[in-house]
Amino acid sequence: MEYPLFALKAGDKRVRTYERNGNTVTVMPGSCGCATIHDKDLWIYCISQLMDARNRGRVIAPTVRFTAYDFLIATGRGASGRAYERMEDMLRRLKGTVVETNIETNGQRERRGFGLIDSWRVVEKSPVDDRMVAVEVDLPRWLFRSVDAGKVLTLSDDYWGLRKALDRRIYELV
């Protein structure tokens, strides 16, 4: 959480590098720009779905399937046609943004690159009706391991009411 992996504004195409104690984190945007802090809602939603299933004793996996409508309503976006289009843009930015870091474990340094999501899939009703029936998101292994181990923080429901990107970033830090 120390490093802002998510941009505060849409269209940010800057490469950002953060360094501390010999460790670096570089965030590189994809062709659609860097994933924004509002795109992070998809991460939060998927994590909450996994944590709920885990807490109920169900087996969880890195692939999360949900209805687009449920996501849009839960995150306060509404269910207009434009909201569905923005959701696809969100998926593209999350997939396209690449994070590179160097990790040292047991005296061995490793450089690694990963996307904020591994892949996504939209299931549509039919070839003539492009309405989203379901969405599947494959979370990165490192994020899934954190969820599986229960190493996630709980957010207040009031978080969804924070519309300004800077307010959301401040909430994360505090």
N, C-alpha and C. Protein backbone atom coordinates (compact mmCIF):
# COMPACT_ATOMS: atom_id res chain seq x y z
N MET A 1 0.81 -1.19 0.00
CA MET A 1 0.00 0.00 0.00
C MET A 1 0.86 1.26 0.00
N GLU A 2 2.12 1.09 0.35
CA GLU A 2 3.03 2.24 0.42
C GLU A 2 3.21 2.91 -0.94
N TYR A 3 3.28 2.11 -1.99
CA TYR A 3 3.49 2.65 -3.32
C TYR A 3 2.17 2.74 -4.07
N PRO A 4 1.91 3.89 -4.68
CA PRO A 4 0.64 4.04 -5.41
C PRO A 4 0.70 3.35 -6.77
N LEU A 5 0.21 2.12 -6.82
CA LEU A 5 0.20 1.38 -8.07
C LEU A 5 -0.84 1.93 -9.03
N PHE A 6 -1.85 2.59 -8.49
CA PHE A 6 -2.97 3.09 -9.28
C PHE A 6 -2.86 4.60 -9.46
N ALA A 7 -3.11 5.06 -10.67
CA ALA A 7 -3.05 6.50 -10.97
C ALA A 7 -4.24 7.22 -10.35
N LEU A 8 -4.07 8.48 -10.08
CA LEU A 8 -5.15 9.28 -9.52
C LEU A 8 -6.08 9.83 -10.59
N LYS A 9 -5.60 9.90 -11.84
CA LYS A 9 -6.46 10.42 -12.90
C LYS A 9 -6.39 9.54 -14.14
N ALA A 10 -7.48 9.52 -14.88
CA ALA A 10 -7.56 8.72 -16.10
C ALA A 10 -6.62 9.29 -17.16
N GLY A 11 -6.12 8.41 -18.00
CA GLY A 11 -5.26 8.83 -19.09
C GLY A 11 -3.81 9.03 -18.71
N ASP A 12 -3.44 8.73 -17.47
CA ASP A 12 -2.07 8.89 -17.01
C ASP A 12 -1.20 7.85 -17.71
N LYS A 13 -0.23 8.31 -18.49
CA LYS A 13 0.64 7.39 -19.22
C LYS A 13 2.10 7.52 -18.77
N ARG A 14 2.30 8.10 -17.59
CA ARG A 14 3.65 8.23 -17.07
C ARG A 14 4.15 6.90 -16.50
N VAL A 15 5.42 6.64 -16.69
CA VAL A 15 6.07 5.52 -16.01
C VAL A 15 6.53 6.07 -14.67
N ARG A 16 6.13 5.41 -13.60
CA ARG A 16 6.47 5.87 -12.25
C ARG A 16 7.38 4.84 -11.58
N THR A 17 8.47 5.30 -10.97
CA THR A 17 9.39 4.41 -10.28
C THR A 17 9.55 4.90 -8.85
N TYR A 18 9.46 3.96 -7.92
CA TYR A 18 9.62 4.25 -6.50
C TYR A 18 10.75 3.37 -5.98
N GLU A 19 11.57 3.94 -5.12
CA GLU A 19 12.70 3.19 -4.59
C GLU A 19 12.83 3.42 -3.09
N ARG A 20 13.13 2.34 -2.39
CA ARG A 20 13.34 2.43 -0.95
C ARG A 20 14.19 1.25 -0.50
N ASN A 21 15.25 1.53 0.20
CA ASN A 21 16.14 0.50 0.75
C ASN A 21 16.60 -0.51 -0.30
N GLY A 22 16.90 -0.04 -1.49
CA GLY A 22 17.39 -0.92 -2.56
C GLY A 22 16.30 -1.66 -3.31
N ASN A 23 15.06 -1.53 -2.88
CA ASN A 23 13.94 -2.17 -3.59
C ASN A 23 13.27 -1.13 -4.48
N THR A 24 12.93 -1.55 -5.68
CA THR A 24 12.25 -0.65 -6.60
C THR A 24 10.92 -1.22 -7.05
N VAL A 25 10.01 -0.32 -7.33
CA VAL A 25 8.71 -0.66 -7.90
C VAL A 25 8.51 0.30 -9.06
N THR A 26 8.31 -0.23 -10.25
CA THR A 26 8.05 0.59 -11.43
C THR A 26 6.67 0.24 -11.95
N VAL A 27 5.86 1.27 -12.19
CA VAL A 27 4.50 1.09 -12.71
C VAL A 27 4.49 1.64 -14.13
N MET A 28 4.17 0.75 -15.08
CA MET A 28 4.17 1.12 -16.49
C MET A 28 2.76 0.98 -17.07
N PRO A 29 2.23 2.06 -17.64
CA PRO A 29 0.88 2.00 -18.19
C PRO A 29 0.83 1.20 -19.49
N GLY A 30 -0.35 0.66 -19.76
CA GLY A 30 -0.57 -0.01 -21.03
C GLY A 30 -1.04 1.00 -22.07
N SER A 31 -1.48 0.53 -23.20
CA SER A 31 -1.90 1.42 -24.29
C SER A 31 -3.12 2.27 -23.91
N CYS A 32 -3.91 1.82 -22.95
CA CYS A 32 -5.10 2.56 -22.50
C CYS A 32 -4.80 3.47 -21.31
N GLY A 33 -3.53 3.56 -20.94
CA GLY A 33 -3.15 4.35 -19.77
C GLY A 33 -3.05 3.45 -18.55
N CYS A 34 -2.66 4.06 -17.45
CA CYS A 34 -2.47 3.33 -16.20
C CYS A 34 -3.82 3.09 -15.52
N ALA A 35 -3.95 1.97 -14.87
CA ALA A 35 -5.16 1.70 -14.08
C ALA A 35 -5.30 2.78 -13.01
N THR A 36 -6.52 3.24 -12.79
CA THR A 36 -6.77 4.31 -11.83
C THR A 36 -7.23 3.76 -10.49
N ILE A 37 -7.25 4.64 -9.52
CA ILE A 37 -7.71 4.24 -8.19
C ILE A 37 -9.19 3.82 -8.22
N HIS A 38 -9.94 4.34 -9.20
CA HIS A 38 -11.33 3.90 -9.36
C HIS A 38 -11.40 2.52 -9.99
N ASP A 39 -10.40 2.18 -10.82
CA ASP A 39 -10.32 0.83 -11.38
C ASP A 39 -10.03 -0.19 -10.27
N LYS A 40 -9.36 0.27 -9.23
CA LYS A 40 -9.04 -0.60 -8.11
C LYS A 40 -10.30 -1.18 -7.45
N ASP A 41 -11.44 -0.54 -7.69
CA ASP A 41 -12.71 -1.05 -7.15
C ASP A 41 -12.94 -2.50 -7.57
N LEU A 42 -12.49 -2.84 -8.77
CA LEU A 42 -12.66 -4.22 -9.24
C LEU A 42 -11.86 -5.18 -8.37
N TRP A 43 -10.63 -4.78 -8.01
CA TRP A 43 -9.82 -5.58 -7.08
C TRP A 43 -10.55 -5.75 -5.76
N ILE A 44 -11.01 -4.63 -5.23
CA ILE A 44 -11.67 -4.65 -3.92
C ILE A 44 -12.92 -5.53 -3.97
N TYR A 45 -13.68 -5.40 -5.02
CA TYR A 45 -14.90 -6.20 -5.17
C TYR A 45 -14.55 -7.70 -5.25
N CYS A 46 -13.58 -8.05 -6.07
CA CYS A 46 -13.18 -9.46 -6.20
C CYS A 46 -12.67 -10.00 -4.87
N ILE A 47 -11.84 -9.22 -4.18
CA ILE A 47 -11.31 -9.65 -2.89
C ILE A 47 -12.44 -9.86 -1.90
N SER A 48 -13.42 -8.96 -1.90
CA SER A 48 -14.54 -9.11 -0.95
C SER A 48 -15.35 -10.35 -1.26
N GLN A 49 -15.51 -10.67 -2.55
CA GLN A 49 -16.24 -11.89 -2.93
C GLN A 49 -15.48 -13.13 -2.45
N LEU A 50 -14.16 -13.11 -2.64
CA LEU A 50 -13.34 -14.25 -2.20
C LEU A 50 -13.33 -14.39 -0.68
N MET A 51 -13.21 -13.27 0.03
CA MET A 51 -13.18 -13.33 1.49
C MET A 51 -14.52 -13.83 2.04
N ASP A 52 -15.62 -13.40 1.43
CA ASP A 52 -16.93 -13.88 1.86
C ASP A 52 -17.03 -15.39 1.67
N ALA A 53 -16.61 -15.88 0.52
CA ALA A 53 -16.64 -17.33 0.26
C ALA A 53 -15.72 -18.07 1.23
N ARG A 54 -14.53 -17.54 1.46
CA ARG A 54 -13.57 -18.16 2.38
C ARG A 54 -14.15 -18.22 3.79
N ASN A 55 -14.75 -17.13 4.23
CA ASN A 55 -15.33 -17.08 5.57
C ASN A 55 -16.51 -18.05 5.73
N ARG A 56 -17.13 -18.42 4.62
CA ARG A 56 -18.25 -19.38 4.65
C ARG A 56 -17.75 -20.82 4.48
N GLY A 57 -16.42 -20.98 4.42
CA GLY A 57 -15.85 -22.32 4.31
C GLY A 57 -15.80 -22.88 2.91
N ARG A 58 -16.03 -22.05 1.91
CA ARG A 58 -15.98 -22.51 0.53
C ARG A 58 -14.54 -22.48 0.01
N VAL A 59 -14.26 -23.31 -0.97
CA VAL A 59 -12.96 -23.32 -1.62
C VAL A 59 -12.91 -22.12 -2.56
N ILE A 60 -11.80 -21.39 -2.53
CA ILE A 60 -11.67 -20.22 -3.40
C ILE A 60 -10.57 -20.45 -4.41
N ALA A 61 -10.63 -19.71 -5.50
CA ALA A 61 -9.64 -19.83 -6.58
C ALA A 61 -9.34 -18.42 -7.11
N PRO A 62 -8.23 -18.26 -7.83
CA PRO A 62 -7.87 -16.93 -8.34
C PRO A 62 -8.83 -16.38 -9.39
N THR A 63 -9.66 -17.23 -9.99
CA THR A 63 -10.64 -16.76 -10.97
C THR A 63 -11.93 -16.43 -10.24
N VAL A 64 -12.37 -15.19 -10.39
CA VAL A 64 -13.59 -14.72 -9.74
C VAL A 64 -14.63 -14.44 -10.82
N ARG A 65 -15.80 -15.03 -10.68
CA ARG A 65 -16.90 -14.83 -11.64
C ARG A 65 -18.03 -14.10 -10.93
N PHE A 66 -18.56 -13.09 -11.59
CA PHE A 66 -19.63 -12.28 -11.00
C PHE A 66 -20.43 -11.63 -12.12
N THR A 67 -21.58 -11.09 -11.77
CA THR A 67 -22.35 -10.37 -12.79
C THR A 67 -21.89 -8.92 -12.80
N ALA A 68 -21.82 -8.37 -13.98
CA ALA A 68 -21.42 -6.97 -14.12
C ALA A 68 -22.40 -6.07 -13.37
N TYR A 69 -23.68 -6.41 -13.44
CA TYR A 69 -24.70 -5.61 -12.76
C TYR A 69 -24.43 -5.53 -11.26
N ASP A 70 -24.14 -6.67 -10.63
CA ASP A 70 -23.86 -6.68 -9.19
C ASP A 70 -22.65 -5.80 -8.86
N PHE A 71 -21.61 -5.90 -9.66
CA PHE A 71 -20.43 -5.07 -9.44
C PHE A 71 -20.77 -3.59 -9.57
N LEU A 72 -21.46 -3.23 -10.64
CA LEU A 72 -21.78 -1.82 -10.88
C LEU A 72 -22.64 -1.23 -9.76
N ILE A 73 -23.61 -1.99 -9.28
CA ILE A 73 -24.49 -1.51 -8.22
C ILE A 73 -23.73 -1.44 -6.89
N ALA A 74 -22.96 -2.47 -6.57
CA ALA A 74 -22.23 -2.52 -5.30
C ALA A 74 -21.21 -1.38 -5.18
N THR A 75 -20.65 -0.96 -6.30
CA THR A 75 -19.63 0.08 -6.28
C THR A 75 -20.20 1.46 -6.60
N GLY A 76 -21.53 1.56 -6.65
CA GLY A 76 -22.18 2.86 -6.82
C GLY A 76 -22.04 3.48 -8.20
N ARG A 77 -21.89 2.66 -9.23
CA ARG A 77 -21.72 3.18 -10.58
C ARG A 77 -23.02 3.29 -11.37
N GLY A 78 -24.07 2.65 -10.91
CA GLY A 78 -25.30 2.61 -11.71
C GLY A 78 -25.17 1.58 -12.80
N ALA A 79 -26.26 1.32 -13.51
CA ALA A 79 -26.26 0.23 -14.49
C ALA A 79 -26.60 0.73 -15.90
N SER A 80 -26.16 1.93 -16.23
CA SER A 80 -26.41 2.46 -17.57
C SER A 80 -25.51 1.76 -18.59
N GLY A 81 -25.85 1.91 -19.85
CA GLY A 81 -25.01 1.34 -20.90
C GLY A 81 -23.60 1.89 -20.84
N ARG A 82 -23.48 3.16 -20.49
CA ARG A 82 -22.16 3.79 -20.38
C ARG A 82 -21.35 3.17 -19.24
N ALA A 83 -22.01 2.79 -18.15
CA ALA A 83 -21.32 2.16 -17.03
C ALA A 83 -20.71 0.82 -17.46
N TYR A 84 -21.45 0.07 -18.30
CA TYR A 84 -20.93 -1.21 -18.80
C TYR A 84 -19.71 -0.98 -19.71
N GLU A 85 -19.76 0.07 -20.55
CA GLU A 85 -18.63 0.40 -21.42
C GLU A 85 -17.42 0.77 -20.59
N ARG A 86 -17.63 1.57 -19.56
CA ARG A 86 -16.52 1.98 -18.69
C ARG A 86 -15.91 0.78 -17.98
N MET A 87 -16.76 -0.21 -17.69
CA MET A 87 -16.25 -1.40 -17.02
C MET A 87 -15.26 -2.15 -17.92
N GLU A 88 -15.58 -2.22 -19.21
CA GLU A 88 -14.63 -2.87 -20.13
C GLU A 88 -13.33 -2.09 -20.23
N ASP A 89 -13.42 -0.76 -20.23
CA ASP A 89 -12.22 0.07 -20.23
C ASP A 89 -11.39 -0.21 -18.98
N MET A 90 -12.07 -0.35 -17.85
CA MET A 90 -11.41 -0.65 -16.58
C MET A 90 -10.65 -1.97 -16.67
N LEU A 91 -11.28 -2.99 -17.22
CA LEU A 91 -10.63 -4.29 -17.37
C LEU A 91 -9.38 -4.18 -18.24
N ARG A 92 -9.47 -3.40 -19.31
CA ARG A 92 -8.32 -3.22 -20.20
C ARG A 92 -7.16 -2.53 -19.48
N ARG A 93 -7.47 -1.49 -18.70
CA ARG A 93 -6.40 -0.77 -17.98
C ARG A 93 -5.76 -1.67 -16.92
N LEU A 94 -6.58 -2.44 -16.20
CA LEU A 94 -6.04 -3.33 -15.17
C LEU A 94 -5.14 -4.40 -15.79
N LYS A 95 -5.52 -4.93 -16.92
CA LYS A 95 -4.72 -5.94 -17.60
C LYS A 95 -3.46 -5.33 -18.19
N GLY A 96 -3.56 -4.10 -18.72
CA GLY A 96 -2.44 -3.47 -19.41
C GLY A 96 -1.38 -2.87 -18.51
N THR A 97 -1.75 -2.46 -17.32
CA THR A 97 -0.78 -1.85 -16.41
C THR A 97 0.17 -2.93 -15.89
N VAL A 98 1.46 -2.69 -16.01
CA VAL A 98 2.47 -3.65 -15.59
C VAL A 98 3.28 -3.06 -14.44
N VAL A 99 3.48 -3.88 -13.43
CA VAL A 99 4.30 -3.51 -12.29
C VAL A 99 5.55 -4.38 -12.33
N GLU A 100 6.71 -3.73 -12.26
CA GLU A 100 7.97 -4.46 -12.17
C GLU A 100 8.60 -4.14 -10.83
N THR A 101 9.14 -5.14 -10.19
CA THR A 101 9.78 -4.95 -8.89
C THR A 101 10.93 -5.91 -8.75
N ASN A 102 11.84 -5.58 -7.86
CA ASN A 102 12.90 -6.52 -7.52
C ASN A 102 12.63 -7.00 -6.10
N ILE A 103 12.67 -8.28 -5.93
CA ILE A 103 12.33 -8.88 -4.65
C ILE A 103 13.54 -9.67 -4.18
N GLU A 104 13.93 -9.47 -2.93
CA GLU A 104 15.04 -10.24 -2.38
C GLU A 104 14.50 -11.21 -1.34
N THR A 105 14.79 -12.49 -1.55
CA THR A 105 14.39 -13.54 -0.62
C THR A 105 15.58 -14.46 -0.39
N ASN A 106 15.89 -14.70 0.86
CA ASN A 106 17.02 -15.57 1.21
C ASN A 106 18.31 -15.18 0.50
N GLY A 107 18.57 -13.88 0.40
CA GLY A 107 19.81 -13.41 -0.20
C GLY A 107 19.84 -13.45 -1.71
N GLN A 108 18.76 -13.83 -2.34
CA GLN A 108 18.72 -13.88 -3.80
C GLN A 108 17.73 -12.84 -4.30
N ARG A 109 18.19 -11.97 -5.20
CA ARG A 109 17.35 -10.93 -5.75
C ARG A 109 16.68 -11.43 -7.02
N GLU A 110 15.43 -11.09 -7.18
CA GLU A 110 14.66 -11.51 -8.35
C GLU A 110 13.92 -10.29 -8.89
N ARG A 111 13.95 -10.12 -10.19
CA ARG A 111 13.17 -9.06 -10.82
C ARG A 111 11.93 -9.70 -11.42
N ARG A 112 10.80 -9.09 -11.21
CA ARG A 112 9.55 -9.70 -11.64
C ARG A 112 8.61 -8.63 -12.20
N GLY A 113 7.86 -8.98 -13.22
CA GLY A 113 6.84 -8.10 -13.78
C GLY A 113 5.51 -8.81 -13.78
N PHE A 114 4.45 -8.08 -13.50
CA PHE A 114 3.11 -8.68 -13.48
C PHE A 114 2.06 -7.62 -13.77
N GLY A 115 0.92 -8.07 -14.25
CA GLY A 115 -0.21 -7.18 -14.47
C GLY A 115 -1.05 -7.09 -13.21
N LEU A 116 -1.89 -6.08 -13.15
CA LEU A 116 -2.76 -5.93 -11.98
C LEU A 116 -3.86 -6.98 -11.98
N ILE A 117 -4.22 -7.49 -13.15
CA ILE A 117 -5.00 -8.72 -13.27
C ILE A 117 -4.32 -9.55 -14.35
N ASP A 118 -4.44 -10.87 -14.25
CA ASP A 118 -3.81 -11.73 -15.24
C ASP A 118 -4.62 -11.78 -16.53
N SER A 119 -5.93 -11.85 -16.42
CA SER A 119 -6.78 -11.88 -17.60
C SER A 119 -8.22 -11.58 -17.20
N TRP A 120 -9.05 -11.34 -18.21
CA TRP A 120 -10.47 -11.10 -17.97
C TRP A 120 -11.26 -11.67 -19.13
N ARG A 121 -12.51 -11.93 -18.85
CA ARG A 121 -13.41 -12.49 -19.87
C ARG A 121 -14.82 -11.98 -19.60
N VAL A 122 -15.49 -11.53 -20.65
CA VAL A 122 -16.88 -11.12 -20.53
C VAL A 122 -17.73 -12.14 -21.25
N VAL A 123 -18.70 -12.70 -20.55
CA VAL A 123 -19.63 -13.66 -21.15
C VAL A 123 -20.86 -12.86 -21.59
N GLU A 124 -21.20 -12.98 -22.87
CA GLU A 124 -22.33 -12.23 -23.43
C GLU A 124 -23.49 -13.17 -23.71
N LYS A 125 -24.67 -12.60 -23.72
CA LYS A 125 -25.88 -13.41 -23.87
C LYS A 125 -25.93 -14.14 -25.21
N SER A 126 -25.66 -13.42 -26.29
CA SER A 126 -25.68 -14.02 -27.61
C SER A 126 -24.92 -13.12 -28.58
N PRO A 127 -24.66 -13.60 -29.79
CA PRO A 127 -23.94 -12.77 -30.76
C PRO A 127 -24.66 -11.47 -31.12
N VAL A 128 -25.99 -11.47 -31.02
CA VAL A 128 -26.74 -10.26 -31.38
C VAL A 128 -27.03 -9.37 -30.17
N ASP A 129 -26.82 -9.88 -28.98
CA ASP A 129 -27.06 -9.12 -27.76
C ASP A 129 -25.76 -9.08 -26.98
N ASP A 130 -25.07 -7.93 -27.02
CA ASP A 130 -23.77 -7.86 -26.37
C ASP A 130 -23.85 -7.47 -24.90
N ARG A 131 -24.98 -7.72 -24.30
CA ARG A 131 -25.16 -7.44 -22.88
C ARG A 131 -24.32 -8.42 -22.05
N MET A 132 -23.62 -7.87 -21.07
CA MET A 132 -22.77 -8.70 -20.23
C MET A 132 -23.62 -9.57 -19.31
N VAL A 133 -23.42 -10.88 -19.39
CA VAL A 133 -24.11 -11.80 -18.48
C VAL A 133 -23.23 -12.03 -17.26
N ALA A 134 -21.96 -12.26 -17.50
CA ALA A 134 -21.03 -12.51 -16.40
C ALA A 134 -19.65 -11.99 -16.79
N VAL A 135 -18.85 -11.77 -15.78
CA VAL A 135 -17.47 -11.34 -15.98
C VAL A 135 -16.60 -12.29 -15.17
N GLU A 136 -15.49 -12.69 -15.75
CA GLU A 136 -14.51 -13.50 -15.03
C GLU A 136 -13.19 -12.75 -15.02
N VAL A 137 -12.58 -12.68 -13.85
CA VAL A 137 -11.31 -12.00 -13.69
C VAL A 137 -10.34 -12.98 -13.04
N ASP A 138 -9.16 -13.12 -13.63
CA ASP A 138 -8.09 -13.92 -13.04
C ASP A 138 -7.16 -12.98 -12.31
N LEU A 139 -7.14 -13.11 -10.98
CA LEU A 139 -6.28 -12.27 -10.16
C LEU A 139 -4.85 -12.78 -10.19
N PRO A 140 -3.88 -11.88 -10.01
CA PRO A 140 -2.48 -12.34 -9.95
C PRO A 140 -2.28 -13.28 -8.76
N ARG A 141 -1.34 -14.20 -8.91
CA ARG A 141 -1.08 -15.20 -7.86
C ARG A 141 -0.75 -14.56 -6.52
N TRP A 142 0.09 -13.52 -6.51
CA TRP A 142 0.51 -12.90 -5.26
C TRP A 142 -0.69 -12.28 -4.53
N LEU A 143 -1.62 -11.70 -5.29
CA LEU A 143 -2.81 -11.10 -4.66
C LEU A 143 -3.72 -12.20 -4.13
N PHE A 144 -3.90 -13.25 -4.90
CA PHE A 144 -4.73 -14.37 -4.44
C PHE A 144 -4.15 -15.01 -3.19
N ARG A 145 -2.83 -15.18 -3.13
CA ARG A 145 -2.21 -15.78 -1.94
C ARG A 145 -2.50 -14.94 -0.69
N SER A 146 -2.49 -13.63 -0.84
CA SER A 146 -2.81 -12.74 0.30
C SER A 146 -4.24 -12.94 0.76
N VAL A 147 -5.15 -13.07 -0.19
CA VAL A 147 -6.56 -13.29 0.14
C VAL A 147 -6.72 -14.66 0.79
N ASP A 148 -6.11 -15.67 0.21
CA ASP A 148 -6.23 -17.03 0.73
C ASP A 148 -5.70 -17.13 2.16
N ALA A 149 -4.68 -16.33 2.47
CA ALA A 149 -4.10 -16.33 3.82
C ALA A 149 -4.86 -15.39 4.76
N GLY A 150 -5.87 -14.69 4.23
CA GLY A 150 -6.65 -13.78 5.06
C GLY A 150 -5.92 -12.49 5.39
N LYS A 151 -4.91 -12.14 4.62
CA LYS A 151 -4.12 -10.94 4.90
C LYS A 151 -4.64 -9.75 4.10
N VAL A 152 -5.88 -9.40 4.37
CA VAL A 152 -6.50 -8.25 3.73
C VAL A 152 -7.17 -7.40 4.80
N LEU A 153 -7.30 -6.13 4.50
CA LEU A 153 -7.95 -5.20 5.42
C LEU A 153 -9.41 -5.03 5.04
N THR A 154 -10.23 -4.72 6.02
CA THR A 154 -11.64 -4.46 5.78
C THR A 154 -11.83 -2.98 5.52
N LEU A 155 -12.59 -2.66 4.49
CA LEU A 155 -12.93 -1.27 4.19
C LEU A 155 -14.33 -0.97 4.69
N SER A 156 -14.53 0.25 5.09
CA SER A 156 -15.86 0.70 5.46
C SER A 156 -16.72 0.79 4.20
N ASP A 157 -18.01 0.56 4.35
CA ASP A 157 -18.93 0.73 3.21
C ASP A 157 -18.93 2.17 2.71
N ASP A 158 -18.52 3.10 3.57
CA ASP A 158 -18.46 4.51 3.19
C ASP A 158 -17.39 4.76 2.12
N TYR A 159 -16.46 3.83 1.97
CA TYR A 159 -15.40 3.98 0.97
C TYR A 159 -16.00 4.21 -0.42
N TRP A 160 -17.07 3.47 -0.73
CA TRP A 160 -17.68 3.55 -2.06
C TRP A 160 -18.24 4.95 -2.34
N GLY A 161 -18.52 5.70 -1.30
CA GLY A 161 -19.04 7.05 -1.47
C GLY A 161 -17.96 8.08 -1.75
N LEU A 162 -16.70 7.71 -1.59
CA LEU A 162 -15.60 8.63 -1.88
C LEU A 162 -15.41 8.68 -3.39
N ARG A 163 -15.73 9.77 -4.00
CA ARG A 163 -15.65 9.88 -5.46
C ARG A 163 -14.32 10.47 -5.92
N LYS A 164 -13.71 11.34 -5.10
CA LYS A 164 -12.46 11.97 -5.51
C LYS A 164 -11.30 11.00 -5.30
N ALA A 165 -10.45 10.91 -6.31
CA ALA A 165 -9.32 9.98 -6.27
C ALA A 165 -8.40 10.25 -5.09
N LEU A 166 -8.11 11.50 -4.83
CA LEU A 166 -7.21 11.83 -3.72
C LEU A 166 -7.81 11.43 -2.38
N ASP A 167 -9.14 11.59 -2.23
CA ASP A 167 -9.80 11.16 -0.99
C ASP A 167 -9.62 9.65 -0.77
N ARG A 168 -9.72 8.89 -1.86
CA ARG A 168 -9.55 7.43 -1.76
C ARG A 168 -8.11 7.07 -1.38
N ARG A 169 -7.15 7.76 -1.98
CA ARG A 169 -5.75 7.48 -1.65
C ARG A 169 -5.45 7.82 -0.19
N ILE A 170 -5.97 8.93 0.28
CA ILE A 170 -5.77 9.32 1.68
C ILE A 170 -6.42 8.28 2.59
N TYR A 171 -7.61 7.80 2.24
CA TYR A 171 -8.29 6.76 3.03
C TYR A 171 -7.39 5.52 3.14
N GLU A 172 -6.79 5.11 2.03
CA GLU A 172 -5.91 3.94 2.03
C GLU A 172 -4.74 4.12 3.00
N LEU A 173 -4.16 5.29 2.99
CA LEU A 173 -2.98 5.54 3.81
C LEU A 173 -3.31 5.67 5.28
N VAL A 174 -4.47 6.21 5.58
CA VAL A 174 -4.85 6.42 6.98
C VAL A 174 -5.43 5.12 7.51
